[in-house]
């Protein structure tokens, strides 16, 4: 296993910081923090470069808020300058570590994504009798800091880069309090072990893939599961052998214990694929794909808000069109022609 060293000069290089700022501002040019940063862009980037070079950089405070879709959870946004640094780091380390990921891991990866994961899931569901579908319980809040650092050290040996990575991890803000006990724990262990990553960070998304990379390889190489799909903390194993999947569940739960993770006791089930399996907002059957009612209701609320914002002059018609095109492209992955026609025929956008 190759460990990468002497990569910190690439992270603090001027061209990399410029590229990082360009990536960080995509889709956010109108935000006040971005405007303020760009007004003194060179000075801001020089300051970042100096702090990283001298190792005086300290992450700022997070802004946290809660969302209820698709489930209630806390999202934490780092200050904009920190997000530039996250991009600078990921610009360099992602290409080095990404090749070690398996092709069945689809989340937060260029060239993969939701729709490819859904396509593969559908293919496996329609060619298998059984599916073991699992959801990790409180994944991001449960990620153990020391275990994560150990996993990263297996990939990176550059001490300066490790300093930056561990600085970001150590300064994660407090997440949802998770109390889970594992073999060998005493009553204080879950409290004393620092855990949890802010979902909103680019680095958190990448670290989350590193955290489960060994698990992915265990599923494919040790358990010899031929049909496997994972998207963040949702994963599924397919087979015509029900006993094989039952035994696989026991083995994977044992492996997850080494990461201080547990599967959700209710959401994780073994069943026949002909019953219909739900994945990424769709319900997959043998001959058709439906949108989950919950997702459809959520989409209708968003469309209503889109109409209100356009009516009040908060957004332009170009933004409306982009949102509608994005939503329709997502719906096309199901058998939704009549549904889309009904919804779009009823849409009216007017200005006050």
Protein backbone atom coordinates (compact mmCIF):
# COMPACT_ATOMS: atom_id res chain seq x y z
CA UNK A 1 0.00 0.00 0.00
CA UNK A 2 1.56 3.27 -1.16
CA UNK A 3 1.76 6.15 1.32
CA UNK A 4 2.15 9.61 -0.16
CA UNK A 5 4.74 12.03 1.19
CA UNK A 6 6.05 15.54 0.45
CA UNK A 7 2.73 16.79 -0.94
CA UNK A 8 2.28 19.85 1.28
CA UNK A 9 4.17 22.21 -1.09
CA UNK A 10 1.53 21.42 -3.73
CA UNK A 11 -1.28 22.32 -1.30
CA UNK A 12 0.15 25.75 -0.39
CA UNK A 13 1.24 26.53 -3.96
CA UNK A 14 -0.24 29.82 -5.24
CA UNK A 15 -1.86 28.30 -8.34
CA UNK A 16 -3.57 25.67 -6.20
CA UNK A 17 -4.99 28.31 -3.85
CA UNK A 18 -6.33 30.31 -6.80
CA UNK A 19 -7.97 27.17 -8.20
CA UNK A 20 -9.41 26.39 -4.77
CA UNK A 21 -11.02 29.84 -4.54
CA UNK A 22 -12.53 29.38 -8.00
CA UNK A 23 -14.05 26.05 -7.00
CA UNK A 24 -15.29 27.31 -3.62
CA UNK A 25 -17.22 30.21 -5.16
CA UNK A 26 -19.07 28.19 -7.82
CA UNK A 27 -22.79 28.88 -7.51
CA UNK A 28 -22.16 31.24 -4.58
CA UNK A 29 -20.95 34.45 -6.23
CA UNK A 30 -23.85 36.46 -4.83
CA UNK A 31 -23.17 35.48 -1.20
CA UNK A 32 -21.87 38.35 0.93
CA UNK A 33 -18.95 36.32 2.33
CA UNK A 34 -17.79 35.43 -1.18
CA UNK A 35 -18.15 39.02 -2.42
CA UNK A 36 -16.16 40.34 0.54
CA UNK A 37 -13.42 37.71 0.05
CA UNK A 38 -13.15 38.41 -3.68
CA UNK A 39 -12.87 42.17 -3.14
CA UNK A 40 -9.43 41.52 -1.63
CA UNK A 41 -8.78 38.18 -3.30
CA UNK A 42 -5.01 38.33 -3.61
CA UNK A 43 -4.53 39.60 -0.06
CA UNK A 44 -6.88 36.92 1.33
CA UNK A 45 -5.10 34.13 -0.53
CA UNK A 46 -1.68 35.45 0.53
CA UNK A 47 -2.85 35.40 4.14
CA UNK A 48 -4.07 31.82 3.77
CA UNK A 49 -0.80 30.82 2.13
CA UNK A 50 1.20 32.38 4.96
CA UNK A 51 -0.91 30.74 7.68
CA UNK A 52 -0.61 27.32 6.03
CA UNK A 53 3.13 27.73 5.43
CA UNK A 54 3.79 28.85 9.03
CA UNK A 55 1.22 26.38 10.38
CA UNK A 56 -0.64 29.10 12.26
CA UNK A 57 -3.95 28.35 10.52
CA UNK A 58 -6.87 27.66 12.82
CA UNK A 59 -10.36 26.88 11.45
CA UNK A 60 -13.12 29.35 12.23
CA UNK A 61 -16.52 28.80 13.83
CA UNK A 62 -19.23 26.90 12.01
CA UNK A 63 -22.69 28.18 11.20
CA UNK A 64 -25.17 25.38 11.86
CA UNK A 65 -28.77 24.94 10.80
CA UNK A 66 -31.25 22.10 10.59
CA UNK A 67 -33.03 20.60 7.61
CA UNK A 68 -35.96 18.18 7.64
CA UNK A 69 -35.54 16.75 4.13
CA UNK A 70 -35.08 13.89 3.53
CA UNK A 71 -34.64 13.49 7.29
CA UNK A 72 -34.06 15.81 10.22
CA UNK A 73 -30.36 16.55 10.56
CA UNK A 74 -27.89 19.29 11.34
CA UNK A 75 -25.86 20.91 8.54
CA UNK A 76 -22.74 22.87 9.49
CA UNK A 77 -21.22 25.45 7.16
CA UNK A 78 -17.59 26.44 7.65
CA UNK A 79 -16.50 30.07 7.10
CA UNK A 80 -15.82 30.79 3.42
CA UNK A 81 -12.02 31.08 3.79
CA UNK A 82 -12.01 27.64 5.44
CA UNK A 83 -13.93 26.26 2.48
CA UNK A 84 -11.21 27.61 0.18
CA UNK A 85 -8.64 25.71 2.26
CA UNK A 86 -10.76 22.55 2.10
CA UNK A 87 -10.71 22.77 -1.69
CA UNK A 88 -6.96 23.40 -1.71
CA UNK A 89 -6.43 20.26 0.36
CA UNK A 90 -8.83 18.10 -1.66
CA UNK A 91 -7.38 19.30 -4.98
CA UNK A 92 -4.18 17.46 -4.05
CA UNK A 93 -5.15 14.49 -1.87
CA UNK A 94 -8.30 13.32 -3.67
CA UNK A 95 -6.49 12.25 -6.89
CA UNK A 96 -3.95 10.35 -4.75
CA UNK A 97 -6.47 8.38 -2.65
CA UNK A 98 -9.43 8.14 -5.05
CA UNK A 99 -7.92 5.20 -7.06
CA UNK A 100 -8.13 3.02 -3.93
CA UNK A 101 -11.94 3.35 -3.84
CA UNK A 102 -14.02 0.59 -5.42
CA UNK A 103 -16.34 1.31 -8.35
CA UNK A 104 -19.40 0.39 -6.28
CA UNK A 105 -19.04 3.48 -4.06
CA UNK A 106 -20.98 6.27 -5.77
CA UNK A 107 -21.32 9.27 -3.46
CA UNK A 108 -19.30 12.50 -3.75
CA UNK A 109 -17.12 11.23 -6.59
CA UNK A 110 -16.56 12.76 -10.02
CA UNK A 111 -18.06 10.52 -12.71
CA UNK A 112 -20.24 8.57 -10.28
CA UNK A 113 -23.21 10.14 -8.44
CA UNK A 114 -26.87 9.52 -7.71
CA UNK A 115 -28.14 8.48 -11.12
CA UNK A 116 -25.36 5.98 -11.82
CA UNK A 117 -25.91 4.47 -8.37
CA UNK A 118 -29.64 4.18 -9.06
CA UNK A 119 -29.00 2.55 -12.45
CA UNK A 120 -26.66 -0.05 -10.93
CA UNK A 121 -29.06 -0.70 -8.03
CA UNK A 122 -31.91 -1.26 -10.51
CA UNK A 123 -29.77 -3.64 -12.58
CA UNK A 124 -28.88 -5.70 -9.52
CA UNK A 125 -32.44 -5.66 -8.11
CA UNK A 126 -33.84 -6.98 -11.38
CA UNK A 127 -31.29 -9.76 -11.67
CA UNK A 128 -31.40 -11.04 -8.07
CA UNK A 129 -33.99 -12.72 -5.88
CA UNK A 130 -32.93 -11.15 -2.58
CA UNK A 131 -31.46 -7.90 -1.30
CA UNK A 132 -29.89 -7.06 2.04
CA UNK A 133 -30.46 -3.33 2.28
CA UNK A 134 -28.80 -1.43 5.11
CA UNK A 135 -28.59 2.06 6.51
CA UNK A 136 -25.88 3.12 8.95
CA UNK A 137 -27.20 4.63 12.15
CA UNK A 138 -26.24 8.34 12.42
CA UNK A 139 -23.22 7.94 10.16
CA UNK A 140 -21.58 11.39 10.12
CA UNK A 141 -22.14 12.04 13.86
CA UNK A 142 -20.65 8.59 14.62
CA UNK A 143 -17.37 8.85 12.67
CA UNK A 144 -14.62 8.31 15.23
CA UNK A 145 -11.81 10.87 14.95
CA UNK A 146 -8.92 8.64 16.03
CA UNK A 147 -9.97 5.78 13.74
CA UNK A 148 -10.34 8.23 10.84
CA UNK A 149 -6.86 9.65 11.46
CA UNK A 150 -5.37 6.15 11.52
CA UNK A 151 -7.01 5.33 8.19
CA UNK A 152 -5.71 8.56 6.63
CA UNK A 153 -2.18 7.88 7.95
CA UNK A 154 -2.23 4.63 5.97
CA UNK A 155 -2.56 6.73 2.81
CA UNK A 156 -0.52 9.85 3.65
CA UNK A 157 2.84 10.13 5.41
CA UNK A 158 3.59 13.82 4.74
CA UNK A 159 3.67 15.30 8.29
CA UNK A 160 2.65 18.80 7.21
CA UNK A 161 -0.36 17.51 5.25
CA UNK A 162 -1.35 15.35 8.21
CA UNK A 163 -1.13 18.45 10.43
CA UNK A 164 -3.64 20.27 8.21
CA UNK A 165 -5.99 17.27 7.94
CA UNK A 166 -5.97 16.64 11.68
CA UNK A 167 -6.41 20.35 12.35
CA UNK A 168 -9.62 20.27 10.30
CA UNK A 169 -10.83 17.06 11.97
CA UNK A 170 -10.00 18.22 15.52
CA UNK A 171 -11.83 21.51 15.00
CA UNK A 172 -15.06 19.89 13.84
CA UNK A 173 -17.95 21.43 15.71
CA UNK A 174 -20.06 19.41 18.12
CA UNK A 175 -22.45 17.09 16.30
CA UNK A 176 -25.48 15.20 17.51
CA UNK A 177 -24.59 13.36 20.69
CA UNK A 178 -24.34 9.65 19.91
CA UNK A 179 -24.01 7.12 22.72
CA UNK A 180 -23.12 3.69 21.31
CA UNK A 181 -21.28 0.93 23.16
CA UNK A 182 -18.98 -1.62 21.60
CA UNK A 183 -16.98 -4.61 22.83
CA UNK A 184 -14.37 -3.50 25.37
CA UNK A 185 -16.04 -0.17 26.20
CA UNK A 186 -16.67 1.06 29.70
CA UNK A 187 -19.43 3.52 30.59
CA UNK A 188 -17.33 6.58 29.70
CA UNK A 189 -15.83 5.39 26.39
CA UNK A 190 -18.51 6.83 24.06
CA UNK A 191 -18.19 10.19 25.82
CA UNK A 192 -14.39 10.34 25.91
CA UNK A 193 -13.83 9.31 22.27
CA UNK A 194 -14.26 12.34 20.03
CA UNK A 195 -16.54 11.68 17.08
CA UNK A 196 -18.64 13.39 14.43
CA UNK A 197 -17.90 15.34 11.23
CA UNK A 198 -19.88 18.35 9.93
CA UNK A 199 -21.94 17.17 6.94
CA UNK A 200 -21.54 20.46 5.06
CA UNK A 201 -17.74 20.20 4.62
CA UNK A 202 -16.17 19.08 1.35
CA UNK A 203 -13.48 17.39 3.45
CA UNK A 204 -16.11 15.54 5.51
CA UNK A 205 -17.62 14.04 2.36
CA UNK A 206 -14.22 12.79 1.24
CA UNK A 207 -13.21 11.58 4.70
CA UNK A 208 -16.54 9.69 4.89
CA UNK A 209 -15.53 7.71 1.79
CA UNK A 210 -12.09 6.99 3.26
CA UNK A 211 -13.74 5.79 6.48
CA UNK A 212 -15.79 3.12 4.66
CA UNK A 213 -13.24 2.24 1.99
CA UNK A 214 -11.90 -0.74 3.95
CA UNK A 215 -15.47 -1.87 4.56
CA UNK A 216 -16.18 -1.73 0.81
CA UNK A 217 -13.14 -3.89 0.09
CA UNK A 218 -14.18 -6.31 2.85
CA UNK A 219 -17.61 -6.74 1.24
CA UNK A 220 -16.16 -7.34 -2.23
CA UNK A 221 -12.96 -9.23 -1.47
CA UNK A 222 -13.56 -11.11 1.80
CA UNK A 223 -17.28 -11.80 1.63
CA UNK A 224 -17.08 -12.18 -2.18
CA UNK A 225 -20.29 -10.20 -2.76
CA UNK A 226 -20.59 -9.80 -6.52
CA UNK A 227 -23.49 -7.35 -6.47
CA UNK A 228 -22.98 -4.42 -4.09
CA UNK A 229 -23.87 -0.72 -4.16
CA UNK A 230 -23.11 2.00 -1.61
CA UNK A 231 -24.15 5.65 -1.57
CA UNK A 232 -22.78 7.40 1.56
CA UNK A 233 -24.34 5.39 4.42
CA UNK A 234 -26.93 3.49 2.37
CA UNK A 235 -25.72 0.19 0.93
CA UNK A 236 -27.18 -2.98 -0.53
CA UNK A 237 -25.98 -6.54 -1.17
CA UNK A 238 -27.82 -8.67 -3.76
CA UNK A 239 -27.89 -12.43 -4.23
CA UNK A 240 -30.12 -15.38 -5.13
CA UNK A 241 -28.89 -17.08 -1.94
CA UNK A 242 -30.82 -15.89 1.12
CA UNK A 243 -28.60 -17.81 3.57
CA UNK A 244 -25.49 -16.16 2.07
CA UNK A 245 -26.95 -12.70 2.73
CA UNK A 246 -27.96 -13.65 6.29
CA UNK A 247 -24.40 -14.72 7.02
CA UNK A 248 -23.04 -11.63 5.27
CA UNK A 249 -25.08 -9.41 7.58
CA UNK A 250 -23.50 -11.00 10.65
CA UNK A 251 -20.00 -10.57 9.18
CA UNK A 252 -20.47 -6.97 8.09
CA UNK A 253 -21.94 -5.96 11.44
CA UNK A 254 -18.86 -7.41 13.11
CA UNK A 255 -16.59 -5.45 10.76
CA UNK A 256 -18.52 -2.22 11.33
CA UNK A 257 -17.88 -2.61 15.07
CA UNK A 258 -14.17 -2.00 14.37
CA UNK A 259 -15.23 1.39 12.96
CA UNK A 260 -17.57 2.01 15.92
CA UNK A 261 -20.58 1.96 13.59
CA UNK A 262 -23.92 0.18 13.73
CA UNK A 263 -26.53 -0.48 11.06
CA UNK A 264 -30.01 0.88 11.66
CA UNK A 265 -32.04 -1.91 13.31
CA UNK A 266 -35.29 -0.99 11.53
CA UNK A 267 -34.14 0.35 8.18
CA UNK A 268 -31.79 -2.59 7.55
CA UNK A 269 -33.72 -5.54 6.13
CA UNK A 270 -33.32 -8.70 4.04
CA UNK A 271 -36.22 -9.27 1.63
CA UNK A 272 -37.23 -10.44 -1.84
CA UNK A 273 -36.55 -7.89 -4.58
CA UNK A 274 -39.97 -8.54 -6.12
CA UNK A 275 -41.48 -6.70 -3.16
CA UNK A 276 -39.88 -3.49 -4.43
CA UNK A 277 -36.75 -1.87 -2.99
CA UNK A 278 -36.43 1.83 -2.16
CA UNK A 279 -33.21 3.62 -3.02
CA UNK A 280 -32.32 7.31 -3.42
CA UNK A 281 -35.93 8.46 -3.54
CA UNK A 282 -37.23 5.83 -5.97
CA UNK A 283 -38.99 2.51 -5.51
CA UNK A 284 -37.66 -0.13 -7.88
CA UNK A 285 -39.88 -2.97 -9.09
CA UNK A 286 -39.31 -5.68 -11.70
CA UNK A 287 -41.07 -3.79 -14.50
CA UNK A 288 -41.24 -0.16 -13.39
CA UNK A 289 -39.74 2.52 -11.15
CA UNK A 290 -41.86 4.87 -9.05
CA UNK A 291 -41.03 8.05 -7.17
CA UNK A 292 -41.51 7.71 -3.42
CA UNK A 293 -44.62 9.57 -2.27
CA UNK A 294 -42.58 11.33 0.41
CA UNK A 295 -40.14 12.63 -2.22
CA UNK A 296 -42.98 13.71 -4.48
CA UNK A 297 -44.60 15.71 -1.67
CA UNK A 298 -41.25 17.32 -0.90
CA UNK A 299 -40.78 18.24 -4.57
CA UNK A 300 -44.24 19.81 -4.75
CA UNK A 301 -43.37 22.01 -1.77
CA UNK A 302 -40.15 23.10 -3.47
CA UNK A 303 -42.02 23.95 -6.66
CA UNK A 304 -44.50 26.00 -4.64
CA UNK A 305 -41.61 27.91 -3.01
CA UNK A 306 -40.08 28.41 -6.45
CA UNK A 307 -43.32 30.01 -7.66
CA UNK A 308 -43.52 32.25 -4.58
CA UNK A 309 -39.89 33.40 -4.89
CA UNK A 310 -40.31 34.20 -8.58
CA UNK A 311 -43.58 36.01 -7.90
CA UNK A 312 -41.89 38.18 -5.26
CA UNK A 313 -38.90 38.91 -7.49
CA UNK A 314 -36.39 37.01 -5.36
CA UNK A 315 -35.14 34.89 -8.28
CA UNK A 316 -34.88 35.26 -12.04
CA UNK A 317 -36.52 33.14 -14.74
CA UNK A 318 -33.11 31.62 -15.57
CA UNK A 319 -32.88 30.21 -12.05
CA UNK A 320 -36.44 28.91 -12.33
CA UNK A 321 -35.60 27.10 -15.56
CA UNK A 322 -32.42 25.60 -14.11
CA UNK A 323 -34.32 24.24 -11.10
CA UNK A 324 -37.08 22.79 -13.26
CA UNK A 325 -34.62 21.18 -15.67
CA UNK A 326 -32.66 19.65 -12.80
CA UNK A 327 -35.78 18.26 -11.16
CA UNK A 328 -37.16 16.84 -14.41
CA UNK A 329 -33.81 15.20 -15.21
CA UNK A 330 -33.99 13.45 -11.85
CA UNK A 331 -37.58 12.31 -12.36
CA UNK A 332 -36.72 10.83 -15.77
CA UNK A 333 -34.94 7.99 -14.00
CA UNK A 334 -38.36 6.66 -13.04
CA UNK A 335 -41.39 5.81 -15.15
CA UNK A 336 -42.81 9.27 -14.63
CA UNK A 337 -43.94 10.67 -17.99
CA UNK A 338 -47.59 11.11 -16.98
CA UNK A 339 -46.57 12.44 -13.57
CA UNK A 340 -44.20 15.00 -15.05
CA UNK A 341 -46.74 16.08 -17.62
CA UNK A 342 -49.42 16.56 -14.97
CA UNK A 343 -47.13 18.61 -12.71
CA UNK A 344 -45.57 20.78 -15.41
CA UNK A 345 -48.88 21.47 -17.18
CA UNK A 346 -50.21 22.95 -13.94
CA UNK A 347 -47.19 25.19 -13.27
CA UNK A 348 -47.73 28.95 -13.62
CA UNK A 349 -45.03 31.57 -12.89
CA UNK A 350 -46.12 35.20 -12.59
CA UNK A 351 -44.62 38.42 -11.22
CA UNK A 352 -46.34 40.77 -8.79
